[in-house]
Amino acid sequence: MSKLFLPLFAIAILLAGYAPASAQGRFAWDGRDRDPNLPVREKPRLAKAAPNPNIERKRVLATLDPRSNEWRALKAEIDEEDDRYLNSKLAICPSCLPAKPQSPATETR
């Protein structure tokens, strides 16, 4: 009897570890916080884009003659504003830039 009991007991222990998939991952909920058994819903996070100040300028630019001085001046303003916007969004890590050589006047000894 004991020869048969030990292998059957070992098999029962091994099979007990294979619980049904529906019972795995479920937690007892005490009702205080959010139910951990409910699926997690993440809201998409959209960054609010700054309004483009050049929209109206580009509409006016489309009405002007490309050979006129007004067109060139407005185009230059639009390009400057686009450059400012790009420079504000552009980030380069300091460790990615090459080291600047020190001038002899600023060297420490």
PDB file of N, CA and C in Angstrom:
ATOM      1  N   MET A   1       0.805  -1.187   0.000  1.00  0.00           N
ATOM      2  CA  MET A   1       0.000   0.000   0.000  1.00  0.00           C
ATOM      3  C   MET A   1       0.857   1.264   0.000  1.00  0.00           C
ATOM      4  N   SER A   2       1.921   1.267   0.845  1.00  0.00           N
ATOM      5  CA  SER A   2       2.764   2.461   0.902  1.00  0.00           C
ATOM      6  C   SER A   2       3.564   2.644  -0.382  1.00  0.00           C
ATOM      7  N   LYS A   3       3.855   1.534  -1.088  1.00  0.00           N
ATOM      8  CA  LYS A   3       4.564   1.653  -2.366  1.00  0.00           C
ATOM      9  C   LYS A   3       3.685   2.330  -3.415  1.00  0.00           C
ATOM     10  N   LEU A   4       2.425   2.108  -3.352  1.00  0.00           N
ATOM     11  CA  LEU A   4       1.491   2.701  -4.299  1.00  0.00           C
ATOM     12  C   LEU A   4       1.082   4.114  -3.867  1.00  0.00           C
ATOM     13  N   PHE A   5       1.033   4.365  -2.575  1.00  0.00           N
ATOM     14  CA  PHE A   5       0.604   5.649  -2.054  1.00  0.00           C
ATOM     15  C   PHE A   5       1.576   6.767  -2.409  1.00  0.00           C
ATOM     16  N   LEU A   6       2.876   6.550  -2.258  1.00  0.00           N
ATOM     17  CA  LEU A   6       3.872   7.591  -2.504  1.00  0.00           C
ATOM     18  C   LEU A   6       3.872   8.063  -3.953  1.00  0.00           C
ATOM     19  N   PRO A   7       3.891   7.193  -4.977  1.00  0.00           N
ATOM     20  CA  PRO A   7       3.833   7.687  -6.352  1.00  0.00           C
ATOM     21  C   PRO A   7       2.510   8.387  -6.682  1.00  0.00           C
ATOM     22  N   LEU A   8       1.402   7.869  -6.160  1.00  0.00           N
ATOM     23  CA  LEU A   8       0.122   8.532  -6.410  1.00  0.00           C
ATOM     24  C   LEU A   8       0.060   9.901  -5.739  1.00  0.00           C
ATOM     25  N   PHE A   9       0.606   9.993  -4.555  1.00  0.00           N
ATOM     26  CA  PHE A   9       0.653  11.276  -3.855  1.00  0.00           C
ATOM     27  C   PHE A   9       1.516  12.275  -4.626  1.00  0.00           C
ATOM     28  N   ALA A  10       2.647  11.840  -5.155  1.00  0.00           N
ATOM     29  CA  ALA A  10       3.522  12.721  -5.939  1.00  0.00           C
ATOM     30  C   ALA A  10       2.831  13.187  -7.213  1.00  0.00           C
ATOM     31  N   ILE A  11       2.115  12.299  -7.867  1.00  0.00           N
ATOM     32  CA  ILE A  11       1.379  12.674  -9.087  1.00  0.00           C
ATOM     33  C   ILE A  11       0.263  13.661  -8.757  1.00  0.00           C
ATOM     34  N   ALA A  12      -0.420  13.446  -7.637  1.00  0.00           N
ATOM     35  CA  ALA A  12      -1.488  14.361  -7.230  1.00  0.00           C
ATOM     36  C   ALA A  12      -0.937  15.752  -6.939  1.00  0.00           C
ATOM     37  N   ILE A  13       0.221  15.800  -6.299  1.00  0.00           N
ATOM     38  CA  ILE A  13       0.865  17.094  -6.015  1.00  0.00           C
ATOM     39  C   ILE A  13       1.236  17.798  -7.318  1.00  0.00           C
ATOM     40  N   LEU A  14       1.789  17.061  -8.261  1.00  0.00           N
ATOM     41  CA  LEU A  14       2.176  17.659  -9.536  1.00  0.00           C
ATOM     42  C   LEU A  14       0.965  18.159 -10.313  1.00  0.00           C
ATOM     43  N   LEU A  15      -0.101  17.386 -10.326  1.00  0.00           N
ATOM     44  CA  LEU A  15      -1.298  17.780 -11.061  1.00  0.00           C
ATOM     45  C   LEU A  15      -2.038  18.942 -10.398  1.00  0.00           C
ATOM     46  N   ALA A  16      -1.884  19.097  -9.107  1.00  0.00           N
ATOM     47  CA  ALA A  16      -2.549  20.191  -8.406  1.00  0.00           C
ATOM     48  C   ALA A  16      -1.994  21.546  -8.848  1.00  0.00           C
ATOM     49  N   GLY A  17      -0.776  21.583  -9.358  1.00  0.00           N
ATOM     50  CA  GLY A  17      -0.183  22.833  -9.820  1.00  0.00           C
ATOM     51  C   GLY A  17      -0.778  23.324 -11.121  1.00  0.00           C
ATOM     52  N   TYR A  18      -1.457  22.447 -11.847  1.00  0.00           N
ATOM     53  CA  TYR A  18      -2.059  22.827 -13.120  1.00  0.00           C
ATOM     54  C   TYR A  18      -3.514  23.202 -12.907  1.00  0.00           C
ATOM     55  N   ALA A  19      -3.738  24.376 -12.358  1.00  0.00           N
ATOM     56  CA  ALA A  19      -5.099  24.857 -12.119  1.00  0.00           C
ATOM     57  C   ALA A  19      -5.687  25.345 -13.431  1.00  0.00           C
ATOM     58  N   PRO A  20      -7.003  25.406 -13.538  1.00  0.00           N
ATOM     59  CA  PRO A  20      -7.613  25.904 -14.771  1.00  0.00           C
ATOM     60  C   PRO A  20      -7.182  27.345 -15.050  1.00  0.00           C
ATOM     61  N   ALA A  21      -7.116  27.710 -16.325  1.00  0.00           N
ATOM     62  CA  ALA A  21      -6.622  29.032 -16.714  1.00  0.00           C
ATOM     63  C   ALA A  21      -7.525  30.148 -16.217  1.00  0.00           C
ATOM     64  N   SER A  22      -8.815  29.888 -16.059  1.00  0.00           N
ATOM     65  CA  SER A  22      -9.723  30.942 -15.613  1.00  0.00           C
ATOM     66  C   SER A  22      -9.479  31.322 -14.158  1.00  0.00           C
ATOM     67  N   ALA A  23      -8.971  30.404 -13.361  1.00  0.00           N
ATOM     68  CA  ALA A  23      -8.740  30.704 -11.952  1.00  0.00           C
ATOM     69  C   ALA A  23      -7.398  31.391 -11.732  1.00  0.00           C
ATOM     70  N   GLN A  24      -6.490  31.268 -12.677  1.00  0.00           N
ATOM     71  CA  GLN A  24      -5.185  31.882 -12.507  1.00  0.00           C
ATOM     72  C   GLN A  24      -5.287  33.380 -12.749  1.00  0.00           C
ATOM     73  N   GLY A  25      -4.574  34.159 -11.960  1.00  0.00           N
ATOM     74  CA  GLY A  25      -4.532  35.594 -12.147  1.00  0.00           C
ATOM     75  C   GLY A  25      -5.701  36.320 -11.501  1.00  0.00           C
ATOM     76  N   ARG A  26      -6.564  35.626 -10.806  1.00  0.00           N
ATOM     77  CA  ARG A  26      -7.689  36.258 -10.123  1.00  0.00           C
ATOM     78  C   ARG A  26      -7.267  36.524  -8.679  1.00  0.00           C
ATOM     79  N   PHE A  27      -7.717  37.644  -8.156  1.00  0.00           N
ATOM     80  CA  PHE A  27      -7.356  38.027  -6.807  1.00  0.00           C
ATOM     81  C   PHE A  27      -8.612  38.262  -5.989  1.00  0.00           C
ATOM     82  N   ALA A  28      -8.488  38.053  -4.695  1.00  0.00           N
ATOM     83  CA  ALA A  28      -9.596  38.386  -3.808  1.00  0.00           C
ATOM     84  C   ALA A  28      -9.635  39.903  -3.667  1.00  0.00           C
ATOM     85  N   TRP A  29     -10.810  40.478  -3.793  1.00  0.00           N
ATOM     86  CA  TRP A  29     -10.953  41.932  -3.758  1.00  0.00           C
ATOM     87  C   TRP A  29     -11.681  42.327  -2.492  1.00  0.00           C
ATOM     88  N   ASP A  30     -11.081  43.245  -1.732  1.00  0.00           N
ATOM     89  CA  ASP A  30     -11.692  43.642  -0.468  1.00  0.00           C
ATOM     90  C   ASP A  30     -12.687  44.795  -0.643  1.00  0.00           C
ATOM     91  N   GLY A  31     -12.820  45.337  -1.830  1.00  0.00           N
ATOM     92  CA  GLY A  31     -13.809  46.371  -2.093  1.00  0.00           C
ATOM     93  C   GLY A  31     -13.344  47.780  -1.822  1.00  0.00           C
ATOM     94  N   ARG A  32     -12.125  47.988  -1.387  1.00  0.00           N
ATOM     95  CA  ARG A  32     -11.676  49.330  -1.046  1.00  0.00           C
ATOM     96  C   ARG A  32     -11.238  50.119  -2.270  1.00  0.00           C
ATOM     97  N   ASP A  33     -10.343  49.605  -3.044  1.00  0.00           N
ATOM     98  CA  ASP A  33      -9.825  50.315  -4.210  1.00  0.00           C
ATOM     99  C   ASP A  33     -10.469  49.744  -5.463  1.00  0.00           C
ATOM    100  N   ARG A  34      -9.801  49.951  -6.571  1.00  0.00           N
ATOM    101  CA  ARG A  34     -10.295  49.436  -7.843  1.00  0.00           C
ATOM    102  C   ARG A  34     -10.173  47.918  -7.851  1.00  0.00           C
ATOM    103  N   ASP A  35     -11.152  47.250  -8.452  1.00  0.00           N
ATOM    104  CA  ASP A  35     -11.144  45.789  -8.530  1.00  0.00           C
ATOM    105  C   ASP A  35      -9.967  45.331  -9.385  1.00  0.00           C
ATOM    106  N   PRO A  36      -9.018  44.559  -8.835  1.00  0.00           N
ATOM    107  CA  PRO A  36      -7.858  44.131  -9.626  1.00  0.00           C
ATOM    108  C   PRO A  36      -8.218  43.104 -10.694  1.00  0.00           C
ATOM    109  N   ASN A  37      -9.409  42.557 -10.638  1.00  0.00           N
ATOM    110  CA  ASN A  37      -9.821  41.569 -11.621  1.00  0.00           C
ATOM    111  C   ASN A  37     -10.370  42.209 -12.896  1.00  0.00           C
ATOM    112  N   LEU A  38     -10.665  43.493 -12.846  1.00  0.00           N
ATOM    113  CA  LEU A  38     -11.151  44.187 -14.035  1.00  0.00           C
ATOM    114  C   LEU A  38      -9.990  44.474 -14.972  1.00  0.00           C
ATOM    115  N   PRO A  39     -10.215  44.486 -16.272  1.00  0.00           N
ATOM    116  CA  PRO A  39      -9.124  44.803 -17.204  1.00  0.00           C
ATOM    117  C   PRO A  39      -8.712  46.268 -17.077  1.00  0.00           C
ATOM    118  N   VAL A  40      -7.453  46.500 -17.307  1.00  0.00           N
ATOM    119  CA  VAL A  40      -6.908  47.854 -17.216  1.00  0.00           C
ATOM    120  C   VAL A  40      -7.175  48.582 -18.530  1.00  0.00           C
ATOM    121  N   ARG A  41      -7.805  49.750 -18.429  1.00  0.00           N
ATOM    122  CA  ARG A  41      -8.062  50.567 -19.618  1.00  0.00           C
ATOM    123  C   ARG A  41      -7.164  51.792 -19.548  1.00  0.00           C
ATOM    124  N   GLU A  42      -6.327  51.942 -20.514  1.00  0.00           N
ATOM    125  CA  GLU A  42      -5.461  53.113 -20.565  1.00  0.00           C
ATOM    126  C   GLU A  42      -5.995  54.074 -21.605  1.00  0.00           C
ATOM    127  N   LYS A  43      -6.123  55.319 -21.204  1.00  0.00           N
ATOM    128  CA  LYS A  43      -6.600  56.336 -22.120  1.00  0.00           C
ATOM    129  C   LYS A  43      -5.430  56.799 -22.983  1.00  0.00           C
ATOM    130  N   PRO A  44      -5.661  56.988 -24.266  1.00  0.00           N
ATOM    131  CA  PRO A  44      -4.579  57.495 -25.101  1.00  0.00           C
ATOM    132  C   PRO A  44      -4.243  58.931 -24.709  1.00  0.00           C
ATOM    133  N   ARG A  45      -2.984  59.182 -24.607  1.00  0.00           N
ATOM    134  CA  ARG A  45      -2.531  60.516 -24.221  1.00  0.00           C
ATOM    135  C   ARG A  45      -2.057  61.245 -25.467  1.00  0.00           C
ATOM    136  N   LEU A  46      -2.769  62.276 -25.789  1.00  0.00           N
ATOM    137  CA  LEU A  46      -2.426  63.075 -26.955  1.00  0.00           C
ATOM    138  C   LEU A  46      -1.820  64.389 -26.491  1.00  0.00           C
ATOM    139  N   ALA A  47      -0.688  64.704 -27.027  1.00  0.00           N
ATOM    140  CA  ALA A  47      -0.069  65.971 -26.706  1.00  0.00           C
ATOM    141  C   ALA A  47      -0.796  67.077 -27.458  1.00  0.00           C
ATOM    142  N   LYS A  48      -1.057  68.149 -26.749  1.00  0.00           N
ATOM    143  CA  LYS A  48      -1.725  69.269 -27.392  1.00  0.00           C
ATOM    144  C   LYS A  48      -0.691  70.058 -28.179  1.00  0.00           C
ATOM    145  N   ALA A  49      -0.934  70.146 -29.455  1.00  0.00           N
ATOM    146  CA  ALA A  49      -0.012  70.857 -30.322  1.00  0.00           C
ATOM    147  C   ALA A  49      -0.264  72.355 -30.206  1.00  0.00           C
ATOM    148  N   ALA A  50       0.814  73.103 -30.215  1.00  0.00           N
ATOM    149  CA  ALA A  50       0.687  74.554 -30.181  1.00  0.00           C
ATOM    150  C   ALA A  50       0.113  75.022 -31.515  1.00  0.00           C
ATOM    151  N   PRO A  51      -0.741  76.022 -31.487  1.00  0.00           N
ATOM    152  CA  PRO A  51      -1.306  76.512 -32.748  1.00  0.00           C
ATOM    153  C   PRO A  51      -0.207  77.094 -33.632  1.00  0.00           C
ATOM    154  N   ASN A  52      -0.306  76.817 -34.890  1.00  0.00           N
ATOM    155  CA  ASN A  52       0.691  77.289 -35.845  1.00  0.00           C
ATOM    156  C   ASN A  52       0.380  78.735 -36.216  1.00  0.00           C
ATOM    157  N   PRO A  53       1.287  79.667 -35.875  1.00  0.00           N
ATOM    158  CA  PRO A  53       1.016  81.075 -36.186  1.00  0.00           C
ATOM    159  C   PRO A  53       1.161  81.387 -37.677  1.00  0.00           C
ATOM    160  N   ASN A  54       1.700  80.469 -38.435  1.00  0.00           N
ATOM    161  CA  ASN A  54       1.949  80.743 -39.849  1.00  0.00           C
ATOM    162  C   ASN A  54       0.784  80.384 -40.765  1.00  0.00           C
ATOM    163  N   ILE A  55      -0.294  79.872 -40.229  1.00  0.00           N
ATOM    164  CA  ILE A  55      -1.402  79.461 -41.096  1.00  0.00           C
ATOM    165  C   ILE A  55      -1.960  80.655 -41.861  1.00  0.00           C
ATOM    166  N   GLU A  56      -2.245  81.728 -41.134  1.00  0.00           N
ATOM    167  CA  GLU A  56      -2.796  82.915 -41.801  1.00  0.00           C
ATOM    168  C   GLU A  56      -1.746  83.540 -42.726  1.00  0.00           C
ATOM    169  N   ARG A  57      -0.504  83.558 -42.310  1.00  0.00           N
ATOM    170  CA  ARG A  57       0.558  84.125 -43.157  1.00  0.00           C
ATOM    171  C   ARG A  57       0.683  83.356 -44.471  1.00  0.00           C
ATOM    172  N   LYS A  58       0.556  82.036 -44.387  1.00  0.00           N
ATOM    173  CA  LYS A  58       0.671  81.228 -45.603  1.00  0.00           C
ATOM    174  C   LYS A  58      -0.507  81.459 -46.542  1.00  0.00           C
ATOM    175  N   ARG A  59      -1.671  81.747 -45.980  1.00  0.00           N
ATOM    176  CA  ARG A  59      -2.819  82.084 -46.831  1.00  0.00           C
ATOM    177  C   ARG A  59      -2.566  83.389 -47.569  1.00  0.00           C
ATOM    178  N   VAL A  60      -2.021  84.375 -46.871  1.00  0.00           N
ATOM    179  CA  VAL A  60      -1.709  85.658 -47.504  1.00  0.00           C
ATOM    180  C   VAL A  60      -0.597  85.474 -48.526  1.00  0.00           C
ATOM    181  N   LEU A  61       0.374  84.644 -48.200  1.00  0.00           N
ATOM    182  CA  LEU A  61       1.498  84.399 -49.102  1.00  0.00           C
ATOM    183  C   LEU A  61       1.018  83.810 -50.427  1.00  0.00           C
ATOM    184  N   ALA A  62      -0.010  82.980 -50.366  1.00  0.00           N
ATOM    185  CA  ALA A  62      -0.529  82.348 -51.573  1.00  0.00           C
ATOM    186  C   ALA A  62      -1.184  83.373 -52.505  1.00  0.00           C
ATOM    187  N   THR A  63      -1.637  84.496 -51.951  1.00  0.00           N
ATOM    188  CA  THR A  63      -2.284  85.514 -52.786  1.00  0.00           C
ATOM    189  C   THR A  63      -1.293  86.488 -53.403  1.00  0.00           C
ATOM    190  N   LEU A  64      -0.066  86.536 -52.890  1.00  0.00           N
ATOM    191  CA  LEU A  64       0.929  87.494 -53.382  1.00  0.00           C
ATOM    192  C   LEU A  64       1.701  86.940 -54.572  1.00  0.00           C
ATOM    193  N   ASP A  65       2.283  87.858 -55.331  1.00  0.00           N
ATOM    194  CA  ASP A  65       3.126  87.499 -56.471  1.00  0.00           C
ATOM    195  C   ASP A  65       4.496  87.075 -55.938  1.00  0.00           C
ATOM    196  N   PRO A  66       5.007  85.891 -56.317  1.00  0.00           N
ATOM    197  CA  PRO A  66       6.297  85.419 -55.808  1.00  0.00           C
ATOM    198  C   PRO A  66       7.482  86.318 -56.164  1.00  0.00           C
ATOM    199  N   ARG A  67       7.316  87.210 -57.114  1.00  0.00           N
ATOM    200  CA  ARG A  67       8.427  88.090 -57.477  1.00  0.00           C
ATOM    201  C   ARG A  67       8.408  89.402 -56.711  1.00  0.00           C
ATOM    202  N   SER A  68       7.400  89.637 -55.882  1.00  0.00           N
ATOM    203  CA  SER A  68       7.283  90.924 -55.177  1.00  0.00           C
ATOM    204  C   SER A  68       8.114  90.935 -53.895  1.00  0.00           C
ATOM    205  N   ASN A  69       8.427  92.141 -53.444  1.00  0.00           N
ATOM    206  CA  ASN A  69       9.191  92.310 -52.200  1.00  0.00           C
ATOM    207  C   ASN A  69       8.355  91.883 -50.990  1.00  0.00           C
ATOM    208  N   GLU A  70       7.046  92.120 -51.063  1.00  0.00           N
ATOM    209  CA  GLU A  70       6.179  91.719 -49.954  1.00  0.00           C
ATOM    210  C   GLU A  70       6.191  90.201 -49.778  1.00  0.00           C
ATOM    211  N   TRP A  71       6.190  89.469 -50.899  1.00  0.00           N
ATOM    212  CA  TRP A  71       6.212  88.008 -50.843  1.00  0.00           C
ATOM    213  C   TRP A  71       7.502  87.537 -50.180  1.00  0.00           C
ATOM    214  N   ARG A  72       8.640  88.137 -50.576  1.00  0.00           N
ATOM    215  CA  ARG A  72       9.944  87.741 -50.000  1.00  0.00           C
ATOM    216  C   ARG A  72      10.006  88.040 -48.511  1.00  0.00           C
ATOM    217  N   ALA A  73       9.493  89.210 -48.095  1.00  0.00           N
ATOM    218  CA  ALA A  73       9.526  89.571 -46.675  1.00  0.00           C
ATOM    219  C   ALA A  73       8.636  88.617 -45.852  1.00  0.00           C
ATOM    220  N   LEU A  74       7.442  88.332 -46.368  1.00  0.00           N
ATOM    221  CA  LEU A  74       6.539  87.432 -45.658  1.00  0.00           C
ATOM    222  C   LEU A  74       7.103  86.014 -45.619  1.00  0.00           C
ATOM    223  N   LYS A  75       7.711  85.587 -46.700  1.00  0.00           N
ATOM    224  CA  LYS A  75       8.330  84.258 -46.744  1.00  0.00           C
ATOM    225  C   LYS A  75       9.468  84.161 -45.733  1.00  0.00           C
ATOM    226  N   ALA A  76      10.244  85.229 -45.596  1.00  0.00           N
ATOM    227  CA  ALA A  76      11.331  85.241 -44.613  1.00  0.00           C
ATOM    228  C   ALA A  76      10.781  85.156 -43.193  1.00  0.00           C
ATOM    229  N   GLU A  77       9.669  85.864 -42.917  1.00  0.00           N
ATOM    230  CA  GLU A  77       9.053  85.789 -41.588  1.00  0.00           C
ATOM    231  C   GLU A  77       8.548  84.379 -41.288  1.00  0.00           C
ATOM    232  N   ILE A  78       7.932  83.778 -42.276  1.00  0.00           N
ATOM    233  CA  ILE A  78       7.426  82.413 -42.097  1.00  0.00           C
ATOM    234  C   ILE A  78       8.574  81.450 -41.841  1.00  0.00           C
ATOM    235  N   ASP A  79       9.650  81.583 -42.602  1.00  0.00           N
ATOM    236  CA  ASP A  79      10.805  80.693 -42.418  1.00  0.00           C
ATOM    237  C   ASP A  79      11.438  80.882 -41.041  1.00  0.00           C
ATOM    238  N   GLU A  80      11.531  82.149 -40.578  1.00  0.00           N
ATOM    239  CA  GLU A  80      12.098  82.401 -39.254  1.00  0.00           C
ATOM    240  C   GLU A  80      11.232  81.776 -38.164  1.00  0.00           C
ATOM    241  N   GLU A  81       9.912  81.924 -38.305  1.00  0.00           N
ATOM    242  CA  GLU A  81       9.009  81.337 -37.310  1.00  0.00           C
ATOM    243  C   GLU A  81       9.097  79.812 -37.326  1.00  0.00           C
ATOM    244  N   ASP A  82       9.202  79.225 -38.504  1.00  0.00           N
ATOM    245  CA  ASP A  82       9.361  77.767 -38.597  1.00  0.00           C
ATOM    246  C   ASP A  82      10.666  77.315 -37.962  1.00  0.00           C
ATOM    247  N   ASP A  83      11.733  78.076 -38.168  1.00  0.00           N
ATOM    248  CA  ASP A  83      13.024  77.744 -37.551  1.00  0.00           C
ATOM    249  C   ASP A  83      12.945  77.839 -36.034  1.00  0.00           C
ATOM    250  N   ARG A  84      12.273  78.899 -35.515  1.00  0.00           N
ATOM    251  CA  ARG A  84      12.121  79.036 -34.066  1.00  0.00           C
ATOM    252  C   ARG A  84      11.337  77.856 -33.490  1.00  0.00           C
ATOM    253  N   TYR A  85      10.279  77.472 -34.164  1.00  0.00           N
ATOM    254  CA  TYR A  85       9.465  76.348 -33.700  1.00  0.00           C
ATOM    255  C   TYR A  85      10.284  75.059 -33.699  1.00  0.00           C
ATOM    256  N   LEU A  86      11.026  74.830 -34.772  1.00  0.00           N
ATOM    257  CA  LEU A  86      11.831  73.620 -34.858  1.00  0.00           C
ATOM    258  C   LEU A  86      12.921  73.602 -33.791  1.00  0.00           C
ATOM    259  N   ASN A  87      13.571  74.728 -33.562  1.00  0.00           N
ATOM    260  CA  ASN A  87      14.623  74.789 -32.551  1.00  0.00           C
ATOM    261  C   ASN A  87      14.070  74.588 -31.149  1.00  0.00           C
ATOM    262  N   SER A  88      12.824  75.011 -30.913  1.00  0.00           N
ATOM    263  CA  SER A  88      12.238  74.798 -29.590  1.00  0.00           C
ATOM    264  C   SER A  88      11.902  73.324 -29.366  1.00  0.00           C
ATOM    265  N   LYS A  89      11.590  72.590 -30.418  1.00  0.00           N
ATOM    266  CA  LYS A  89      11.236  71.177 -30.291  1.00  0.00           C
ATOM    267  C   LYS A  89      12.440  70.256 -30.407  1.00  0.00           C
ATOM    268  N   LEU A  90      13.502  70.711 -31.012  1.00  0.00           N
ATOM    269  CA  LEU A  90      14.676  69.885 -31.247  1.00  0.00           C
ATOM    270  C   LEU A  90      15.488  69.767 -29.966  1.00  0.00           C
ATOM    271  N   ALA A  91      15.786  68.548 -29.566  1.00  0.00           N
ATOM    272  CA  ALA A  91      16.583  68.314 -28.362  1.00  0.00           C
ATOM    273  C   ALA A  91      17.711  67.352 -28.705  1.00  0.00           C
ATOM    274  N   ILE A  92      18.914  67.794 -28.449  1.00  0.00           N
ATOM    275  CA  ILE A  92      20.085  66.964 -28.672  1.00  0.00           C
ATOM    276  C   ILE A  92      20.723  66.735 -27.317  1.00  0.00           C
ATOM    277  N   CYS A  93      20.975  65.487 -26.990  1.00  0.00           N
ATOM    278  CA  CYS A  93      21.563  65.212 -25.681  1.00  0.00           C
ATOM    279  C   CYS A  93      22.991  65.744 -25.636  1.00  0.00           C
ATOM    280  N   PRO A  94      23.400  66.307 -24.495  1.00  0.00           N
ATOM    281  CA  PRO A  94      24.745  66.884 -24.384  1.00  0.00           C
ATOM    282  C   PRO A  94      25.863  65.865 -24.577  1.00  0.00           C
ATOM    283  N   SER A  95      25.608  64.610 -24.222  1.00  0.00           N
ATOM    284  CA  SER A  95      26.667  63.615 -24.364  1.00  0.00           C
ATOM    285  C   SER A  95      26.836  63.173 -25.818  1.00  0.00           C
ATOM    286  N   CYS A  96      25.877  63.521 -26.687  1.00  0.00           N
ATOM    287  CA  CYS A  96      25.968  63.145 -28.098  1.00  0.00           C
ATOM    288  C   CYS A  96      26.819  64.137 -28.895  1.00  0.00           C
ATOM    289  N   LEU A  97      26.953  65.336 -28.379  1.00  0.00           N
ATOM    290  CA  LEU A  97      27.714  66.359 -29.082  1.00  0.00           C
ATOM    291  C   LEU A  97      29.203  66.163 -28.850  1.00  0.00           C
ATOM    292  N   PRO A  98      30.026  66.502 -29.838  1.00  0.00           N
ATOM    293  CA  PRO A  98      31.468  66.393 -29.615  1.00  0.00           C
ATOM    294  C   PRO A  98      31.926  67.430 -28.589  1.00  0.00           C
ATOM    295  N   ALA A  99      32.968  67.082 -27.859  1.00  0.00           N
ATOM    296  CA  ALA A  99      33.478  67.986 -26.835  1.00  0.00           C
ATOM    297  C   ALA A  99      34.104  69.208 -27.492  1.00  0.00           C
ATOM    298  N   LYS A 100      33.825  70.380 -26.901  1.00  0.00           N
ATOM    299  CA  LYS A 100      34.395  71.618 -27.423  1.00  0.00           C
ATOM    300  C   LYS A 100      35.814  71.768 -26.884  1.00  0.00           C
ATOM    301  N   PRO A 101      36.757  72.090 -27.757  1.00  0.00           N
ATOM    302  CA  PRO A 101      38.118  72.290 -27.249  1.00  0.00           C
ATOM    303  C   PRO A 101      38.178  73.556 -26.401  1.00  0.00           C
ATOM    304  N   GLN A 102      38.910  73.469 -25.291  1.00  0.00           N
ATOM    305  CA  GLN A 102      39.035  74.636 -24.418  1.00  0.00           C
ATOM    306  C   GLN A 102      40.080  75.582 -24.981  1.00  0.00           C
ATOM    307  N   SER A 103      39.796  76.874 -24.841  1.00  0.00           N
ATOM    308  CA  SER A 103      40.779  77.866 -25.281  1.00  0.00           C
ATOM    309  C   SER A 103      41.856  77.975 -24.199  1.00  0.00           C
ATOM    310  N   PRO A 104      43.060  78.428 -24.564  1.00  0.00           N
ATOM    311  CA  PRO A 104      44.145  78.506 -23.559  1.00  0.00           C
ATOM    312  C   PRO A 104      43.797  79.423 -22.396  1.00  0.00           C
ATOM    313  N   ALA A 105      42.950  80.429 -22.592  1.00  0.00           N
ATOM    314  CA  ALA A 105      42.630  81.370 -21.534  1.00  0.00           C
ATOM    315  C   ALA A 105      41.703  80.727 -20.490  1.00  0.00           C
ATOM    316  N   THR A 106      40.901  79.755 -20.869  1.00  0.00           N
ATOM    317  CA  THR A 106      39.940  79.165 -19.951  1.00  0.00           C
ATOM    318  C   THR A 106      40.417  77.840 -19.361  1.00  0.00           C
ATOM    319  N   GLU A 107      41.592  77.372 -19.716  1.00  0.00           N
ATOM    320  CA  GLU A 107      42.080  76.109 -19.169  1.00  0.00           C
ATOM    321  C   GLU A 107      42.375  76.254 -17.683  1.00  0.00           C
ATOM    322  N   THR A 108      42.077  75.218 -16.940  1.00  0.00           N
ATOM    323  CA  THR A 108      42.373  75.222 -15.505  1.00  0.00           C
ATOM    324  C   THR A 108      43.601  74.377 -15.262  1.00  0.00           C
ATOM    325  N   ARG A 109      44.388  74.807 -14.315  1.00  0.00           N
ATOM    326  CA  ARG A 109      45.632  74.088 -14.017  1.00  0.00           C
ATOM    327  C   ARG A 109      45.636  73.591 -12.627  1.00  0.00           C
TER     328      ARG A 109
END
